[in-house]
C-alpha atoms as a PDB file:
ATOM      1  CA  MET A   1      -0.067  -0.092   0.098  1.00  0.00           C
ATOM      2  CA  THR A   2       1.458   3.442  -0.836  1.00  0.00           C
ATOM      3  CA  THR A   3       0.404   6.659   1.184  1.00  0.00           C
ATOM      4  CA  LEU A   4       0.878  10.006  -0.051  1.00  0.00           C
ATOM      5  CA  THR A   5       1.060  13.124   2.287  1.00  0.00           C
ATOM      6  CA  TYR A   6       1.096  16.503   0.908  1.00  0.00           C
ATOM      7  CA  SER A   7       2.044  19.683   2.350  1.00  0.00           C
ATOM      8  CA  GLU A   8       3.323  23.227   1.047  1.00  0.00           C
ATOM      9  CA  ASP A   9       6.550  22.362   0.734  1.00  0.00           C
ATOM     10  CA  ARG A  10       6.879  18.930   0.122  1.00  0.00           C
ATOM     11  CA  ILE A  11       5.599  15.399  -0.679  1.00  0.00           C
ATOM     12  CA  VAL A  12       5.930  12.001   1.835  1.00  0.00           C
ATOM     13  CA  LYS A  13       5.379   8.673  -0.250  1.00  0.00           C
ATOM     14  CA  LYS A  14       5.385   5.789   2.019  1.00  0.00           C
ATOM     15  CA  THR A  15       5.241   2.313   0.827  1.00  0.00           C
ATOM     16  CA  GLN A  16       4.078  -0.539   2.912  1.00  0.00           C
ATOM     17  CA  ALA A  17       5.237  -4.040   2.226  1.00  0.00           C
ATOM     18  CA  TYR A  18       2.259  -6.687   1.598  1.00  0.00           C
ATOM     19  CA  ASN A  19       4.894  -9.634   0.934  1.00  0.00           C
ATOM     20  CA  ASP A  20       8.360 -10.541   0.863  1.00  0.00           C
ATOM     21  CA  SER A  21       8.974  -9.215  -2.551  1.00  0.00           C
ATOM     22  CA  TYR A  22       7.859  -5.698  -1.973  1.00  0.00           C
ATOM     23  CA  THR A  23      10.268  -3.565   0.040  1.00  0.00           C
ATOM     24  CA  THR A  24       8.750  -0.759   2.742  1.00  0.00           C
ATOM     25  CA  GLY A  25      10.299   2.559   1.919  1.00  0.00           C
ATOM     26  CA  THR A  26       9.899   6.459   2.431  1.00  0.00           C
ATOM     27  CA  THR A  27      10.534   9.072  -0.131  1.00  0.00           C
ATOM     28  CA  THR A  28      10.276  12.879   0.478  1.00  0.00           C
ATOM     29  CA  TYR A  29      10.077  15.030  -2.526  1.00  0.00           C
ATOM     30  CA  SER A  30      10.840  18.565  -1.919  1.00  0.00           C
ATOM     31  CA  LEU A  31       8.476  21.004  -3.501  1.00  0.00           C
ATOM     32  CA  SER A  32       9.234  25.043  -4.791  1.00  0.00           C
ATOM     33  CA  GLU A  33       6.405  27.073  -6.428  1.00  0.00           C
ATOM     34  CA  GLY A  34       4.393  23.758  -6.841  1.00  0.00           C
ATOM     35  CA  ARG A  35       7.067  21.638  -8.462  1.00  0.00           C
ATOM     36  CA  ILE A  36       9.234  18.692  -7.459  1.00  0.00           C
ATOM     37  CA  GLY A  37      13.007  19.623  -6.934  1.00  0.00           C
ATOM     38  CA  LYS A  38      14.757  16.768  -5.369  1.00  0.00           C
ATOM     39  CA  ALA A  39      13.588  13.378  -4.283  1.00  0.00           C
ATOM     40  CA  ARG A  40      15.202  11.903  -1.081  1.00  0.00           C
ATOM     41  CA  ALA A  41      14.991   8.245  -0.378  1.00  0.00           C
ATOM     42  CA  GLU A  42      14.882   7.983   3.512  1.00  0.00           C
ATOM     43  CA  THR A  43      15.253   4.392   3.719  1.00  0.00           C
ATOM     44  CA  ASP A  44      18.736   4.528   1.879  1.00  0.00           C
ATOM     45  CA  ASN A  45      19.611   7.930   2.867  1.00  0.00           C
ATOM     46  CA  PHE A  46      20.624   9.424  -0.238  1.00  0.00           C
ATOM     47  CA  ASP A  47      19.009  11.841  -3.043  1.00  0.00           C
ATOM     48  CA  CYS A  48      17.685   9.804  -5.543  1.00  0.00           C
ATOM     49  CA  ASP A  49      16.200  11.998  -7.979  1.00  0.00           C
ATOM     50  CA  THR A  50      16.435  15.628  -9.168  1.00  0.00           C
ATOM     51  CA  TRP A  51      14.119  17.628 -11.584  1.00  0.00           C
ATOM     52  CA  TYR A  52      15.399  20.956 -13.508  1.00  0.00           C
ATOM     53  CA  TYR A  53      12.910  23.450 -15.443  1.00  0.00           C
ATOM     54  CA  ASP A  54      13.119  26.466 -17.655  1.00  0.00           C
ATOM     55  CA  SER A  55      11.796  29.845 -17.084  1.00  0.00           C
ATOM     56  CA  GLU A  56       8.304  28.786 -18.344  1.00  0.00           C
ATOM     57  CA  GLY A  57       7.605  25.737 -15.906  1.00  0.00           C
ATOM     58  CA  ASN A  58       8.708  23.125 -18.569  1.00  0.00           C
ATOM     59  CA  MET A  59      10.764  20.001 -17.226  1.00  0.00           C
ATOM     60  CA  THR A  60      14.146  20.094 -19.130  1.00  0.00           C
ATOM     61  CA  LYS A  61      16.152  17.596 -17.288  1.00  0.00           C
ATOM     62  CA  TYR A  62      15.550  14.569 -14.785  1.00  0.00           C
ATOM     63  CA  ILE A  63      18.465  12.787 -13.152  1.00  0.00           C
ATOM     64  CA  GLU A  64      17.521   9.217 -11.646  1.00  0.00           C
ATOM     65  CA  ARG A  65      19.889   7.865  -9.113  1.00  0.00           C
ATOM     66  CA  TYR A  66      19.451   4.263  -7.779  1.00  0.00           C
ATOM     67  CA  THR A  67      21.715   1.431  -6.298  1.00  0.00           C
ATOM     68  CA  ILE A  68      22.386  -1.655  -7.920  1.00  0.00           C
ATOM     69  CA  THR A  69      23.587  -4.665  -6.368  1.00  0.00           C
ATOM     70  CA  MET A  70      27.033  -6.216  -7.785  1.00  0.00           C
ATOM     71  CA  GLY A  71      28.840  -9.671  -6.669  1.00  0.00           C
ATOM     72  CA  SER A  72      31.492 -12.053  -7.850  1.00  0.00           C
ATOM     73  CA  VAL A  73      31.381 -15.289  -8.602  1.00  0.00           C
ATOM     74  CA  ASP A  74      34.506 -17.696  -8.828  1.00  0.00           C
ATOM     75  CA  GLN A  75      35.178 -20.644 -11.342  1.00  0.00           C
ATOM     76  CA  GLU A  76      33.563 -23.069  -9.603  1.00  0.00           C
ATOM     77  CA  GLY A  77      30.073 -20.819  -9.432  1.00  0.00           C
ATOM     78  CA  ASN A  78      30.603 -20.011  -5.821  1.00  0.00           C
ATOM     79  CA  THR A  79      28.954 -16.375  -5.141  1.00  0.00           C
ATOM     80  CA  GLY A  80      31.324 -13.981  -3.388  1.00  0.00           C
ATOM     81  CA  ALA A  81      30.560 -10.692  -1.491  1.00  0.00           C
ATOM     82  CA  THR A  82      28.127  -8.327  -2.798  1.00  0.00           C
ATOM     83  CA  VAL A  83      28.379  -4.654  -3.065  1.00  0.00           C
ATOM     84  CA  GLU A  84      25.899  -1.754  -3.685  1.00  0.00           C
ATOM     85  CA  VAL A  85      26.828   0.678  -6.180  1.00  0.00           C
ATOM     86  CA  LEU A  86      25.155   4.030  -6.870  1.00  0.00           C
ATOM     87  CA  ASP A  87      24.429   4.634 -10.454  1.00  0.00           C
ATOM     88  CA  SER A  88      22.371   7.371 -12.358  1.00  0.00           C
ATOM     89  CA  THR A  89      21.084   8.009 -15.630  1.00  0.00           C
ATOM     90  CA  VAL A  90      19.789  11.531 -17.097  1.00  0.00           C
ATOM     91  CA  THR A  91      16.773  12.272 -19.229  1.00  0.00           C
ATOM     92  CA  THR A  92      16.741  15.556 -21.010  1.00  0.00           C
ATOM     93  CA  TYR A  93      13.741  17.214 -22.810  1.00  0.00           C
ATOM     94  CA  ILE A  94      13.221  19.759 -25.731  1.00  0.00           C
ATOM     95  CA  TRP A  95      10.256  21.460 -25.871  1.00  0.00           C
ATOM     96  CA  GLN A  96       8.614  23.015 -28.782  1.00  0.00           C
ATOM     97  CA  ASN A  97       5.137  24.999 -29.274  1.00  0.00           C
ATOM     98  CA  GLY A  98       4.111  23.467 -25.849  1.00  0.00           C
ATOM     99  CA  VAL A  99       5.061  19.910 -26.254  1.00  0.00           C
ATOM    100  CA  VAL A 100       8.079  17.546 -25.837  1.00  0.00           C
ATOM    101  CA  LYS A 101       9.431  17.113 -29.274  1.00  0.00           C
ATOM    102  CA  THR A 102      12.803  15.387 -28.240  1.00  0.00           C
ATOM    103  CA  MET A 103      13.646  13.357 -25.572  1.00  0.00           C
ATOM    104  CA  HIS A 104      17.381  12.210 -24.710  1.00  0.00           C
ATOM    105  CA  TYR A 105      18.222   9.290 -22.236  1.00  0.00           C
ATOM    106  CA  TYR A 106      21.753   8.337 -21.322  1.00  0.00           C
ATOM    107  CA  PRO A 107      23.850   7.116 -18.163  1.00  0.00           C
ATOM    108  CA  GLU A 108      25.271  10.226 -16.051  1.00  0.00           C
ATOM    109  CA  ASP A 109      28.680   9.056 -16.618  1.00  0.00           C
ATOM    110  CA  ASN A 110      28.502   8.587 -20.193  1.00  0.00           C
ATOM    111  CA  VAL A 111      32.030   7.577 -21.036  1.00  0.00           C
ATOM    112  CA  SER A 112      31.120   5.253 -23.965  1.00  0.00           C
ATOM    113  CA  ASN A 113      28.388   8.269 -25.359  1.00  0.00           C
ATOM    114  CA  ASP A 114      25.527   6.191 -25.513  1.00  0.00           C
ATOM    115  CA  ILE A 115      22.602   8.389 -26.051  1.00  0.00           C
ATOM    116  CA  ILE A 116      18.865   6.892 -26.706  1.00  0.00           C
ATOM    117  CA  THR A 117      16.713   9.460 -28.409  1.00  0.00           C
ATOM    118  CA  SER A 118      12.890   9.688 -28.714  1.00  0.00           C
ATOM    119  CA  GLU A 119      10.941  11.415 -31.116  1.00  0.00           C
ATOM    120  CA  PHE A 120       7.492  12.446 -30.498  1.00  0.00           C
ATOM    121  CA  GLU A 121       4.344  13.175 -32.948  1.00  0.00           C
ATOM    122  CA  TYR A 122       1.247  14.943 -31.610  1.00  0.00           C
ATOM    123  CA  TYR A 123      -2.475  14.679 -32.757  1.00  0.00           C
ATOM    124  CA  ASP A 124      -3.599  18.410 -33.884  1.00  0.00           C
ATOM    125  CA  LEU A 125      -5.882  19.936 -31.463  1.00  0.00           C
ATOM    126  CA  ASP A 126      -9.008  19.664 -33.920  1.00  0.00           C
ATOM    127  CA  GLU A 127      -8.189  15.913 -33.662  1.00  0.00           C
ATOM    128  CA  ILE A 128      -8.410  15.221 -30.172  1.00  0.00           C
ATOM    129  CA  ARG A 129      -8.717  18.336 -27.989  1.00  0.00           C
ATOM    130  CA  PRO A 130      -7.436  17.699 -24.246  1.00  0.00           C
ATOM    131  CA  LEU A 131     -10.224  18.883 -21.786  1.00  0.00           C
ATOM    132  CA  PRO A 132      -8.915  20.734 -18.472  1.00  0.00           C
ATOM    133  CA  SER A 133     -10.000  17.392 -16.413  1.00  0.00           C
ATOM    134  CA  VAL A 134      -8.265  15.226 -18.934  1.00  0.00           C
ATOM    135  CA  ILE A 135      -4.797  16.834 -19.464  1.00  0.00           C
ATOM    136  CA  LYS A 136      -3.194  15.475 -16.189  1.00  0.00           C
ATOM    137  CA  LEU A 137      -4.518  12.136 -17.096  1.00  0.00           C
ATOM    138  CA  GLN A 138      -2.297  11.715 -19.980  1.00  0.00           C
ATOM    139  CA  TYR A 139      -0.946   8.520 -18.706  1.00  0.00           C
ATOM    140  CA  TYR A 140       1.006   7.623 -21.970  1.00  0.00           C
ATOM    141  CA  PRO A 141       5.131   7.725 -21.712  1.00  0.00           C
ATOM    142  CA  GLU A 142       5.995   7.481 -18.182  1.00  0.00           C
ATOM    143  CA  GLU A 143       9.070   9.185 -19.239  1.00  0.00           C
ATOM    144  CA  LEU A 144       7.361  12.360 -19.399  1.00  0.00           C
ATOM    145  CA  ALA A 145       6.559  12.259 -15.749  1.00  0.00           C
ATOM    146  CA  GLY A 146       9.806  11.615 -14.513  1.00  0.00           C
ATOM    147  CA  GLU A 147       8.773   9.639 -11.865  1.00  0.00           C
ATOM    148  CA  ASP A 148       5.862   7.098 -10.773  1.00  0.00           C
ATOM    149  CA  LEU A 149       2.284   8.654 -12.139  1.00  0.00           C
ATOM    150  CA  THR A 150       0.960   9.461  -8.441  1.00  0.00           C
ATOM    151  CA  LEU A 151       2.978  12.396  -8.753  1.00  0.00           C
ATOM    152  CA  PHE A 152       2.080  13.788 -12.183  1.00  0.00           C
ATOM    153  CA  GLY A 153       1.493  17.335 -12.329  1.00  0.00           C
ATOM    154  CA  TYR A 154       3.941  18.593  -9.937  1.00  0.00           C
ATOM    155  CA  ASN A 155       6.984  18.140 -12.190  1.00  0.00           C
ATOM    156  CA  GLY A 156       6.377  21.159 -14.480  1.00  0.00           C
ATOM    157  CA  ASN A 157       3.807  21.442 -17.489  1.00  0.00           C
ATOM    158  CA  VAL A 158       2.034  18.829 -19.167  1.00  0.00           C
ATOM    159  CA  PRO A 159       2.086  18.532 -23.030  1.00  0.00           C
ATOM    160  CA  ALA A 160      -0.699  20.557 -24.440  1.00  0.00           C
ATOM    161  CA  ARG A 161      -1.588  18.107 -27.110  1.00  0.00           C
ATOM    162  CA  PHE A 162      -2.121  14.046 -27.024  1.00  0.00           C
ATOM    163  CA  ILE A 163       0.988  12.165 -28.428  1.00  0.00           C
ATOM    164  CA  LYS A 164       0.267  10.289 -31.396  1.00  0.00           C
ATOM    165  CA  LYS A 165       3.729   8.252 -31.892  1.00  0.00           C
ATOM    166  CA  VAL A 166       7.010   7.963 -30.117  1.00  0.00           C
ATOM    167  CA  THR A 167      10.040   6.816 -32.215  1.00  0.00           C
ATOM    168  CA  THR A 168      12.931   5.799 -30.385  1.00  0.00           C
ATOM    169  CA  SER A 169      16.510   4.984 -31.472  1.00  0.00           C
ATOM    170  CA  GLY A 170      20.100   4.735 -30.374  1.00  0.00           C
ATOM    171  CA  ASP A 171      19.848   1.503 -28.234  1.00  0.00           C
ATOM    172  CA  ARG A 172      23.090  -0.199 -28.931  1.00  0.00           C
ATOM    173  CA  TRP A 173      21.377  -3.458 -27.805  1.00  0.00           C
ATOM    174  CA  ASN A 174      18.490  -2.587 -29.881  1.00  0.00           C
ATOM    175  CA  LYS A 175      15.911  -3.156 -26.936  1.00  0.00           C
ATOM    176  CA  ASP A 176      14.162   0.036 -27.202  1.00  0.00           C
ATOM    177  CA  ASN A 177      14.449   0.950 -30.718  1.00  0.00           C
ATOM    178  CA  GLY A 178      11.147   0.941 -32.501  1.00  0.00           C
ATOM    179  CA  THR A 179       7.951   3.266 -32.628  1.00  0.00           C
ATOM    180  CA  THR A 180       4.959   3.159 -30.039  1.00  0.00           C
ATOM    181  CA  THR A 181       1.383   4.411 -31.510  1.00  0.00           C
ATOM    182  CA  TYR A 182      -1.477   5.556 -29.467  1.00  0.00           C
ATOM    183  CA  ARG A 183      -4.888   5.512 -29.924  1.00  0.00           C
ATOM    184  CA  TYR A 184      -7.603   7.406 -27.645  1.00  0.00           C
ATOM    185  CA  VAL A 185     -11.491   6.350 -27.397  1.00  0.00           C
ATOM    186  CA  THR A 186     -13.744   8.875 -26.738  1.00  0.00           C
ATOM    187  CA  ASP A 187     -17.618   9.163 -25.480  1.00  0.00           C
ATOM    188  CA  SER A 188     -20.237  10.926 -26.890  1.00  0.00           C
ATOM    189  CA  LYS A 189     -19.330  14.168 -25.537  1.00  0.00           C
ATOM    190  CA  GLY A 190     -15.682  13.988 -26.740  1.00  0.00           C
ATOM    191  CA  TYR A 191     -14.214  12.843 -23.404  1.00  0.00           C
ATOM    192  CA  VAL A 192     -11.387  10.591 -23.654  1.00  0.00           C
ATOM    193  CA  VAL A 193     -11.941   7.553 -21.843  1.00  0.00           C
ATOM    194  CA  GLN A 194      -9.565   4.969 -23.165  1.00  0.00           C
ATOM    195  CA  ILE A 195      -5.784   5.177 -24.055  1.00  0.00           C
ATOM    196  CA  TYR A 196      -4.302   2.259 -26.080  1.00  0.00           C
ATOM    197  CA  SER A 197      -0.970   1.714 -27.421  1.00  0.00           C
ATOM    198  CA  LYS A 198       0.970  -0.292 -29.821  1.00  0.00           C
ATOM    199  CA  TRP A 199       4.758  -1.386 -30.407  1.00  0.00           C
ATOM    200  CA  GLU A 200       6.641  -1.949 -33.454  1.00  0.00           C
ATOM    201  CA  SER A 201      10.347  -2.882 -33.245  1.00  0.00           C
ATOM    202  CA  ALA A 202      12.632  -1.528 -35.427  1.00  0.00           C
ATOM    203  CA  GLN A 203      12.986  -4.880 -37.165  1.00  0.00           C
ATOM    204  CA  GLY A 204       9.229  -4.851 -37.792  1.00  0.00           C
ATOM    205  CA  LYS A 205       8.000  -6.839 -35.261  1.00  0.00           C
ATOM    206  CA  THR A 206       4.657  -5.882 -33.783  1.00  0.00           C
ATOM    207  CA  ASP A 207       2.472  -6.531 -30.561  1.00  0.00           C
ATOM    208  CA  ALA A 208      -0.015  -9.011 -31.373  1.00  0.00           C
ATOM    209  CA  GLU A 209      -2.797  -6.573 -30.050  1.00  0.00           C
ATOM    210  CA  GLU A 210      -3.067  -3.124 -28.704  1.00  0.00           C
ATOM    211  CA  LYS A 211      -2.469  -2.437 -25.011  1.00  0.00           C
ATOM    212  CA  LEU A 212      -4.825  -0.785 -22.805  1.00  0.00           C
ATOM    213  CA  GLU A 213      -2.700   1.801 -20.943  1.00  0.00           C
ATOM    214  CA  CYS A 214      -5.824   3.391 -18.989  1.00  0.00           C
ATOM    215  CA  GLU A 215      -9.127   4.016 -18.602  1.00  0.00           C
ATOM    216  CA  ILE A 216     -10.762   7.422 -17.218  1.00  0.00           C
ATOM    217  CA  ILE A 217     -14.119   7.513 -15.608  1.00  0.00           C
ATOM    218  CA  TYR A 218     -15.737  10.930 -15.064  1.00  0.00           C
ATOM    219  CA  GLU A 219     -18.105  11.369 -12.345  1.00  0.00           C
END
């Protein structure tokens, strides 16, 4: 179970374990002018995330820091001592006319100059018009949130239009290279009620079916 506590200068997220595979932890997000600045993992006692914005309130950079466990294995297959190592990645965002057009993702210590690039295409406003109550429910690419979606809306502006396609390239392992296409279902009043996505790899392999990203219920 996750509990969020909001105050003027911070958001505190507490996650309580419900089984042995889920870790209990507390993360505190500092707020300045209604935007997240830093996240601190109280359980691990380090600053895990940092957000940066331009003068218009658009998120331009997101740095994610996390620990990974590394160990050694000898020739007989015996596992040696393990150690936790701090690692980090950087995501940068280029905005144009109220939307993110290009996103770059790379290790913070990018000695090999590996950069994964995503290009965004959007629907015109006369195709799908975001209603005020829907704008902050645009669940497509989590990358635009820079964190889990429970905090969406506290990390700068939301793109002014709905995403049509995201094309990714530059992954040396070819795992993420490809295109995701988004489709929106509206009700009789024009309200978006469902968002679907479908993935096609750079090699032409596609998902067998569309994936339902979310359903929106209006009350």
